[in-house]
Amino acid sequence: MKKDGLFACARKCMKERKCCNTLECRHYIEYPADYNCTLVAVYENGPMTLREVAKRLSISFARVKQIEQKALNKMKKNTLIS
């Protein structure tokens, strides 16, 4: 991974303009506009709203909000944020 946050496979997909088909990859999402890669999604779009994340993951906005809240609570519990 370089400073841009992309792995070689993501860079290759972008260069060749082909979607990733590696379903086992932990960064895979079923979203062809971002070459099926969360790393490309963040690289191309920067910070995204919860609604944009929900659209990419094909889940509801409310579910994304629940996941966000659970992660923030976990971080607070572990004193990673104040």
PDB file of N, CA and C in Angstrom:
ATOM      1  N   MET A   1       0.845  -1.175   0.000  1.00  0.00           N
ATOM      2  CA  MET A   1       0.000   0.000   0.000  1.00  0.00           C
ATOM      3  C   MET A   1       0.893   1.241   0.000  1.00  0.00           C
ATOM      4  N   LYS A   2       0.567   2.181  -0.858  1.00  0.00           N
ATOM      5  CA  LYS A   2       1.314   3.432  -0.929  1.00  0.00           C
ATOM      6  C   LYS A   2       0.582   4.507  -0.146  1.00  0.00           C
ATOM      7  N   LYS A   3       1.096   5.725  -0.210  1.00  0.00           N
ATOM      8  CA  LYS A   3       0.508   6.850   0.531  1.00  0.00           C
ATOM      9  C   LYS A   3      -0.939   7.122   0.136  1.00  0.00           C
ATOM     10  N   ASP A   4      -1.328   6.735  -1.076  1.00  0.00           N
ATOM     11  CA  ASP A   4      -2.697   6.985  -1.520  1.00  0.00           C
ATOM     12  C   ASP A   4      -3.710   6.041  -0.887  1.00  0.00           C
ATOM     13  N   GLY A   5      -3.241   5.014  -0.162  1.00  0.00           N
ATOM     14  CA  GLY A   5      -4.135   4.091   0.519  1.00  0.00           C
ATOM     15  C   GLY A   5      -4.631   2.947  -0.343  1.00  0.00           C
ATOM     16  N   LEU A   6      -4.135   2.856  -1.567  1.00  0.00           N
ATOM     17  CA  LEU A   6      -4.587   1.810  -2.477  1.00  0.00           C
ATOM     18  C   LEU A   6      -3.598   0.653  -2.526  1.00  0.00           C
ATOM     19  N   PHE A   7      -4.124  -0.548  -2.622  1.00  0.00           N
ATOM     20  CA  PHE A   7      -3.292  -1.715  -2.870  1.00  0.00           C
ATOM     21  C   PHE A   7      -3.038  -1.817  -4.370  1.00  0.00           C
ATOM     22  N   ALA A   8      -2.072  -2.611  -4.739  1.00  0.00           N
ATOM     23  CA  ALA A   8      -1.724  -2.773  -6.155  1.00  0.00           C
ATOM     24  C   ALA A   8      -2.919  -3.253  -6.974  1.00  0.00           C
ATOM     25  N   CYS A   9      -3.713  -4.147  -6.403  1.00  0.00           N
ATOM     26  CA  CYS A   9      -4.871  -4.671  -7.139  1.00  0.00           C
ATOM     27  C   CYS A   9      -5.892  -3.567  -7.435  1.00  0.00           C
ATOM     28  N   ALA A  10      -6.089  -2.652  -6.496  1.00  0.00           N
ATOM     29  CA  ALA A  10      -7.029  -1.542  -6.702  1.00  0.00           C
ATOM     30  C   ALA A  10      -6.511  -0.598  -7.780  1.00  0.00           C
ATOM     31  N   ARG A  11      -5.203  -0.327  -7.735  1.00  0.00           N
ATOM     32  CA  ARG A  11      -4.602   0.529  -8.757  1.00  0.00           C
ATOM     33  C   ARG A  11      -4.745  -0.100 -10.139  1.00  0.00           C
ATOM     34  N   LYS A  12      -4.560  -1.430 -10.193  1.00  0.00           N
ATOM     35  CA  LYS A  12      -4.683  -2.153 -11.459  1.00  0.00           C
ATOM     36  C   LYS A  12      -6.113  -2.051 -11.999  1.00  0.00           C
ATOM     37  N   CYS A  13      -7.098  -2.254 -11.148  1.00  0.00           N
ATOM     38  CA  CYS A  13      -8.502  -2.147 -11.566  1.00  0.00           C
ATOM     39  C   CYS A  13      -8.807  -0.755 -12.114  1.00  0.00           C
ATOM     40  N   MET A  14      -8.301   0.260 -11.440  1.00  0.00           N
ATOM     41  CA  MET A  14      -8.548   1.630 -11.895  1.00  0.00           C
ATOM     42  C   MET A  14      -7.862   1.886 -13.234  1.00  0.00           C
ATOM     43  N   LYS A  15      -6.624   1.427 -13.362  1.00  0.00           N
ATOM     44  CA  LYS A  15      -5.860   1.649 -14.596  1.00  0.00           C
ATOM     45  C   LYS A  15      -6.527   0.954 -15.779  1.00  0.00           C
ATOM     46  N   GLU A  16      -6.962  -0.292 -15.566  1.00  0.00           N
ATOM     47  CA  GLU A  16      -7.578  -1.081 -16.639  1.00  0.00           C
ATOM     48  C   GLU A  16      -9.077  -0.817 -16.775  1.00  0.00           C
ATOM     49  N   ARG A  17      -9.621  -0.044 -15.844  1.00  0.00           N
ATOM     50  CA  ARG A  17     -11.055   0.260 -15.824  1.00  0.00           C
ATOM     51  C   ARG A  17     -11.904  -1.008 -15.820  1.00  0.00           C
ATOM     52  N   LYS A  18     -11.478  -1.949 -14.980  1.00  0.00           N
ATOM     53  CA  LYS A  18     -12.192  -3.212 -14.819  1.00  0.00           C
ATOM     54  C   LYS A  18     -12.576  -3.383 -13.360  1.00  0.00           C
ATOM     55  N   CYS A  19     -13.743  -3.951 -13.140  1.00  0.00           N
ATOM     56  CA  CYS A  19     -14.192  -4.222 -11.781  1.00  0.00           C
ATOM     57  C   CYS A  19     -13.457  -5.420 -11.200  1.00  0.00           C
ATOM     58  N   CYS A  20     -13.200  -5.352  -9.918  1.00  0.00           N
ATOM     59  CA  CYS A  20     -12.585  -6.466  -9.201  1.00  0.00           C
ATOM     60  C   CYS A  20     -13.611  -7.588  -9.063  1.00  0.00           C
ATOM     61  N   ASN A  21     -13.143  -8.809  -9.219  1.00  0.00           N
ATOM     62  CA  ASN A  21     -14.029  -9.971  -9.072  1.00  0.00           C
ATOM     63  C   ASN A  21     -13.582 -10.887  -7.941  1.00  0.00           C
ATOM     64  N   THR A  22     -12.695 -10.400  -7.089  1.00  0.00           N
ATOM     65  CA  THR A  22     -12.176 -11.201  -5.986  1.00  0.00           C
ATOM     66  C   THR A  22     -13.131 -11.091  -4.798  1.00  0.00           C
ATOM     67  N   LEU A  23     -14.107 -11.960  -4.761  1.00  0.00           N
ATOM     68  CA  LEU A  23     -15.143 -11.912  -3.733  1.00  0.00           C
ATOM     69  C   LEU A  23     -14.588 -12.138  -2.331  1.00  0.00           C
ATOM     70  N   GLU A  24     -13.463 -12.824  -2.210  1.00  0.00           N
ATOM     71  CA  GLU A  24     -12.873 -13.120  -0.905  1.00  0.00           C
ATOM     72  C   GLU A  24     -12.151 -11.914  -0.305  1.00  0.00           C
ATOM     73  N   CYS A  25     -11.873 -10.900  -1.099  1.00  0.00           N
ATOM     74  CA  CYS A  25     -11.144  -9.724  -0.627  1.00  0.00           C
ATOM     75  C   CYS A  25     -11.966  -8.981   0.423  1.00  0.00           C
ATOM     76  N   ARG A  26     -11.332  -8.586   1.505  1.00  0.00           N
ATOM     77  CA  ARG A  26     -12.057  -7.889   2.574  1.00  0.00           C
ATOM     78  C   ARG A  26     -12.505  -6.488   2.154  1.00  0.00           C
ATOM     79  N   HIS A  27     -11.996  -5.989   1.045  1.00  0.00           N
ATOM     80  CA  HIS A  27     -12.364  -4.662   0.551  1.00  0.00           C
ATOM     81  C   HIS A  27     -13.414  -4.719  -0.565  1.00  0.00           C
ATOM     82  N   TYR A  28     -13.867  -5.909  -0.905  1.00  0.00           N
ATOM     83  CA  TYR A  28     -14.840  -6.087  -1.988  1.00  0.00           C
ATOM     84  C   TYR A  28     -16.219  -5.588  -1.582  1.00  0.00           C
ATOM     85  N   ILE A  29     -16.845  -4.821  -2.467  1.00  0.00           N
ATOM     86  CA  ILE A  29     -18.258  -4.449  -2.340  1.00  0.00           C
ATOM     87  C   ILE A  29     -18.892  -4.612  -3.711  1.00  0.00           C
ATOM     88  N   GLU A  30     -20.145  -4.936  -3.749  1.00  0.00           N
ATOM     89  CA  GLU A  30     -20.857  -5.075  -5.014  1.00  0.00           C
ATOM     90  C   GLU A  30     -21.313  -3.685  -5.450  1.00  0.00           C
ATOM     91  N   TYR A  31     -20.379  -2.936  -6.032  1.00  0.00           N
ATOM     92  CA  TYR A  31     -20.672  -1.568  -6.470  1.00  0.00           C
ATOM     93  C   TYR A  31     -19.746  -1.238  -7.646  1.00  0.00           C
ATOM     94  N   PRO A  32     -20.162  -1.606  -8.863  1.00  0.00           N
ATOM     95  CA  PRO A  32     -19.308  -1.448 -10.041  1.00  0.00           C
ATOM     96  C   PRO A  32     -18.805  -0.024 -10.299  1.00  0.00           C
ATOM     97  N   ALA A  33     -19.537   0.980  -9.891  1.00  0.00           N
ATOM     98  CA  ALA A  33     -19.090   2.361 -10.115  1.00  0.00           C
ATOM     99  C   ALA A  33     -17.766   2.654  -9.412  1.00  0.00           C
ATOM    100  N   ASP A  34     -17.481   1.906  -8.350  1.00  0.00           N
ATOM    101  CA  ASP A  34     -16.216   2.045  -7.616  1.00  0.00           C
ATOM    102  C   ASP A  34     -15.335   0.818  -7.831  1.00  0.00           C
ATOM    103  N   TYR A  35     -15.505   0.150  -8.968  1.00  0.00           N
ATOM    104  CA  TYR A  35     -14.724  -1.045  -9.316  1.00  0.00           C
ATOM    105  C   TYR A  35     -14.835  -2.148  -8.264  1.00  0.00           C
ATOM    106  N   ASN A  36     -15.944  -2.178  -7.551  1.00  0.00           N
ATOM    107  CA  ASN A  36     -16.219  -3.185  -6.515  1.00  0.00           C
ATOM    108  C   ASN A  36     -15.193  -3.165  -5.385  1.00  0.00           C
ATOM    109  N   CYS A  37     -14.651  -2.004  -5.079  1.00  0.00           N
ATOM    110  CA  CYS A  37     -13.591  -1.914  -4.078  1.00  0.00           C
ATOM    111  C   CYS A  37     -13.832  -0.732  -3.135  1.00  0.00           C
ATOM    112  N   THR A  38     -13.839  -1.003  -1.830  1.00  0.00           N
ATOM    113  CA  THR A  38     -14.027   0.087  -0.866  1.00  0.00           C
ATOM    114  C   THR A  38     -12.854   1.056  -0.887  1.00  0.00           C
ATOM    115  N   LEU A  39     -11.655   0.557  -1.155  1.00  0.00           N
ATOM    116  CA  LEU A  39     -10.483   1.440  -1.210  1.00  0.00           C
ATOM    117  C   LEU A  39     -10.610   2.443  -2.347  1.00  0.00           C
ATOM    118  N   VAL A  40     -11.093   1.983  -3.485  1.00  0.00           N
ATOM    119  CA  VAL A  40     -11.310   2.877  -4.627  1.00  0.00           C
ATOM    120  C   VAL A  40     -12.411   3.869  -4.295  1.00  0.00           C
ATOM    121  N   ALA A  41     -13.467   3.403  -3.626  1.00  0.00           N
ATOM    122  CA  ALA A  41     -14.578   4.286  -3.258  1.00  0.00           C
ATOM    123  C   ALA A  41     -14.081   5.459  -2.420  1.00  0.00           C
ATOM    124  N   VAL A  42     -13.259   5.172  -1.422  1.00  0.00           N
ATOM    125  CA  VAL A  42     -12.735   6.229  -0.560  1.00  0.00           C
ATOM    126  C   VAL A  42     -11.753   7.105  -1.322  1.00  0.00           C
ATOM    127  N   TYR A  43     -10.903   6.499  -2.134  1.00  0.00           N
ATOM    128  CA  TYR A  43      -9.917   7.250  -2.918  1.00  0.00           C
ATOM    129  C   TYR A  43     -10.607   8.214  -3.884  1.00  0.00           C
ATOM    130  N   GLU A  44     -11.622   7.722  -4.578  1.00  0.00           N
ATOM    131  CA  GLU A  44     -12.317   8.532  -5.583  1.00  0.00           C
ATOM    132  C   GLU A  44     -13.262   9.573  -4.980  1.00  0.00           C
ATOM    133  N   ASN A  45     -13.911   9.247  -3.864  1.00  0.00           N
ATOM    134  CA  ASN A  45     -14.971  10.106  -3.335  1.00  0.00           C
ATOM    135  C   ASN A  45     -14.610  10.855  -2.065  1.00  0.00           C
ATOM    136  N   GLY A  46     -13.550  10.458  -1.390  1.00  0.00           N
ATOM    137  CA  GLY A  46     -13.209  11.083  -0.121  1.00  0.00           C
ATOM    138  C   GLY A  46     -14.241  10.726   0.937  1.00  0.00           C
ATOM    139  N   PRO A  47     -14.362  11.552   1.963  1.00  0.00           N
ATOM    140  CA  PRO A  47     -15.357  11.272   3.012  1.00  0.00           C
ATOM    141  C   PRO A  47     -16.761  11.185   2.417  1.00  0.00           C
ATOM    142  N   MET A  48     -17.518  10.206   2.892  1.00  0.00           N
ATOM    143  CA  MET A  48     -18.866   9.997   2.376  1.00  0.00           C
ATOM    144  C   MET A  48     -19.885  10.107   3.497  1.00  0.00           C
ATOM    145  N   THR A  49     -21.091  10.447   3.138  1.00  0.00           N
ATOM    146  CA  THR A  49     -22.176  10.499   4.109  1.00  0.00           C
ATOM    147  C   THR A  49     -22.617   9.076   4.434  1.00  0.00           C
ATOM    148  N   LEU A  50     -23.354   8.935   5.504  1.00  0.00           N
ATOM    149  CA  LEU A  50     -23.867   7.615   5.866  1.00  0.00           C
ATOM    150  C   LEU A  50     -24.810   7.088   4.790  1.00  0.00           C
ATOM    151  N   ARG A  51     -25.534   7.963   4.143  1.00  0.00           N
ATOM    152  CA  ARG A  51     -26.436   7.545   3.064  1.00  0.00           C
ATOM    153  C   ARG A  51     -25.651   6.995   1.878  1.00  0.00           C
ATOM    154  N   GLU A  52     -24.516   7.623   1.555  1.00  0.00           N
ATOM    155  CA  GLU A  52     -23.673   7.133   0.464  1.00  0.00           C
ATOM    156  C   GLU A  52     -23.093   5.760   0.811  1.00  0.00           C
ATOM    157  N   VAL A  53     -22.696   5.580   2.051  1.00  0.00           N
ATOM    158  CA  VAL A  53     -22.172   4.285   2.498  1.00  0.00           C
ATOM    159  C   VAL A  53     -23.268   3.230   2.416  1.00  0.00           C
ATOM    160  N   ALA A  54     -24.451   3.564   2.868  1.00  0.00           N
ATOM    161  CA  ALA A  54     -25.587   2.636   2.836  1.00  0.00           C
ATOM    162  C   ALA A  54     -25.884   2.191   1.404  1.00  0.00           C
ATOM    163  N   LYS A  55     -25.841   3.127   0.480  1.00  0.00           N
ATOM    164  CA  LYS A  55     -26.098   2.808  -0.927  1.00  0.00           C
ATOM    165  C   LYS A  55     -25.066   1.810  -1.447  1.00  0.00           C
ATOM    166  N   ARG A  56     -23.801   2.027  -1.123  1.00  0.00           N
ATOM    167  CA  ARG A  56     -22.741   1.146  -1.596  1.00  0.00           C
ATOM    168  C   ARG A  56     -22.824  -0.247  -0.983  1.00  0.00           C
ATOM    169  N   LEU A  57     -23.271  -0.332   0.246  1.00  0.00           N
ATOM    170  CA  LEU A  57     -23.355  -1.620   0.931  1.00  0.00           C
ATOM    171  C   LEU A  57     -24.718  -2.287   0.768  1.00  0.00           C
ATOM    172  N   SER A  58     -25.633  -1.607   0.114  1.00  0.00           N
ATOM    173  CA  SER A  58     -26.999  -2.110  -0.092  1.00  0.00           C
ATOM    174  C   SER A  58     -27.684  -2.442   1.231  1.00  0.00           C
ATOM    175  N   ILE A  59     -27.515  -1.547   2.199  1.00  0.00           N
ATOM    176  CA  ILE A  59     -28.215  -1.665   3.476  1.00  0.00           C
ATOM    177  C   ILE A  59     -28.866  -0.325   3.779  1.00  0.00           C
ATOM    178  N   SER A  60     -29.707  -0.283   4.776  1.00  0.00           N
ATOM    179  CA  SER A  60     -30.433   0.947   5.073  1.00  0.00           C
ATOM    180  C   SER A  60     -29.543   1.966   5.790  1.00  0.00           C
ATOM    181  N   PHE A  61     -29.925   3.209   5.663  1.00  0.00           N
ATOM    182  CA  PHE A  61     -29.232   4.296   6.360  1.00  0.00           C
ATOM    183  C   PHE A  61     -29.259   4.044   7.862  1.00  0.00           C
ATOM    184  N   ALA A  62     -30.409   3.571   8.358  1.00  0.00           N
ATOM    185  CA  ALA A  62     -30.548   3.317   9.799  1.00  0.00           C
ATOM    186  C   ALA A  62     -29.556   2.262  10.266  1.00  0.00           C
ATOM    187  N   ARG A  63     -29.332   1.229   9.451  1.00  0.00           N
ATOM    188  CA  ARG A  63     -28.379   0.181   9.834  1.00  0.00           C
ATOM    189  C   ARG A  63     -26.954   0.726   9.860  1.00  0.00           C
ATOM    190  N   VAL A  64     -26.616   1.563   8.909  1.00  0.00           N
ATOM    191  CA  VAL A  64     -25.282   2.177   8.899  1.00  0.00           C
ATOM    192  C   VAL A  64     -25.102   3.042  10.142  1.00  0.00           C
ATOM    193  N   LYS A  65     -26.140   3.757  10.514  1.00  0.00           N
ATOM    194  CA  LYS A  65     -26.096   4.597  11.717  1.00  0.00           C
ATOM    195  C   LYS A  65     -25.883   3.743  12.960  1.00  0.00           C
ATOM    196  N   GLN A  66     -26.561   2.592  13.031  1.00  0.00           N
ATOM    197  CA  GLN A  66     -26.391   1.680  14.165  1.00  0.00           C
ATOM    198  C   GLN A  66     -24.950   1.171  14.243  1.00  0.00           C
ATOM    199  N   ILE A  67     -24.399   0.796  13.107  1.00  0.00           N
ATOM    200  CA  ILE A  67     -23.019   0.297  13.064  1.00  0.00           C
ATOM    201  C   ILE A  67     -22.052   1.392  13.482  1.00  0.00           C
ATOM    202  N   GLU A  68     -22.283   2.612  12.998  1.00  0.00           N
ATOM    203  CA  GLU A  68     -21.428   3.743  13.371  1.00  0.00           C
ATOM    204  C   GLU A  68     -21.480   3.976  14.884  1.00  0.00           C
ATOM    205  N   GLN A  69     -22.677   3.971  15.445  1.00  0.00           N
ATOM    206  CA  GLN A  69     -22.828   4.222  16.876  1.00  0.00           C
ATOM    207  C   GLN A  69     -22.154   3.143  17.707  1.00  0.00           C
ATOM    208  N   LYS A  70     -22.292   1.903  17.275  1.00  0.00           N
ATOM    209  CA  LYS A  70     -21.659   0.793  17.989  1.00  0.00           C
ATOM    210  C   LYS A  70     -20.130   0.935  17.949  1.00  0.00           C
ATOM    211  N   ALA A  71     -19.588   1.323  16.805  1.00  0.00           N
ATOM    212  CA  ALA A  71     -18.141   1.511  16.677  1.00  0.00           C
ATOM    213  C   ALA A  71     -17.665   2.671  17.550  1.00  0.00           C
ATOM    214  N   LEU A  72     -18.412   3.767  17.568  1.00  0.00           N
ATOM    215  CA  LEU A  72     -18.033   4.912  18.406  1.00  0.00           C
ATOM    216  C   LEU A  72     -18.073   4.546  19.887  1.00  0.00           C
ATOM    217  N   ASN A  73     -19.099   3.795  20.289  1.00  0.00           N
ATOM    218  CA  ASN A  73     -19.187   3.355  21.689  1.00  0.00           C
ATOM    219  C   ASN A  73     -18.017   2.463  22.060  1.00  0.00           C
ATOM    220  N   LYS A  74     -17.634   1.586  21.150  1.00  0.00           N
ATOM    221  CA  LYS A  74     -16.510   0.693  21.391  1.00  0.00           C
ATOM    222  C   LYS A  74     -15.208   1.495  21.530  1.00  0.00           C
ATOM    223  N   MET A  75     -15.065   2.516  20.695  1.00  0.00           N
ATOM    224  CA  MET A  75     -13.870   3.356  20.759  1.00  0.00           C
ATOM    225  C   MET A  75     -13.833   4.140  22.070  1.00  0.00           C
ATOM    226  N   LYS A  76     -14.976   4.643  22.493  1.00  0.00           N
ATOM    227  CA  LYS A  76     -15.037   5.371  23.764  1.00  0.00           C
ATOM    228  C   LYS A  76     -14.689   4.454  24.924  1.00  0.00           C
ATOM    229  N   LYS A  77     -15.229   3.248  24.885  1.00  0.00           N
ATOM    230  CA  LYS A  77     -14.980   2.262  25.937  1.00  0.00           C
ATOM    231  C   LYS A  77     -13.488   1.958  26.028  1.00  0.00           C
ATOM    232  N   ASN A  78     -12.831   1.895  24.918  1.00  0.00           N
ATOM    233  CA  ASN A  78     -11.400   1.604  24.881  1.00  0.00           C
ATOM    234  C   ASN A  78     -10.560   2.872  24.972  1.00  0.00           C
ATOM    235  N   THR A  79     -11.193   3.984  25.299  1.00  0.00           N
ATOM    236  CA  THR A  79     -10.560   5.302  25.471  1.00  0.00           C
ATOM    237  C   THR A  79      -9.737   5.749  24.259  1.00  0.00           C
ATOM    238  N   LEU A  80     -10.186   5.368  23.076  1.00  0.00           N
ATOM    239  CA  LEU A  80      -9.509   5.831  21.882  1.00  0.00           C
ATOM    240  C   LEU A  80      -9.936   7.233  21.500  1.00  0.00           C
ATOM    241  N   ILE A  81     -11.127   7.617  21.932  1.00  0.00           N
ATOM    242  CA  ILE A  81     -11.593   8.991  21.714  1.00  0.00           C
ATOM    243  C   ILE A  81     -12.168   9.506  23.039  1.00  0.00           C
ATOM    244  N   SER A  82     -12.177  10.800  23.181  1.00  0.00           N
ATOM    245  CA  SER A  82     -12.690  11.360  24.442  1.00  0.00           C
ATOM    246  C   SER A  82     -14.080  11.920  24.283  1.00  0.00           C
TER     247      SER A  82
END
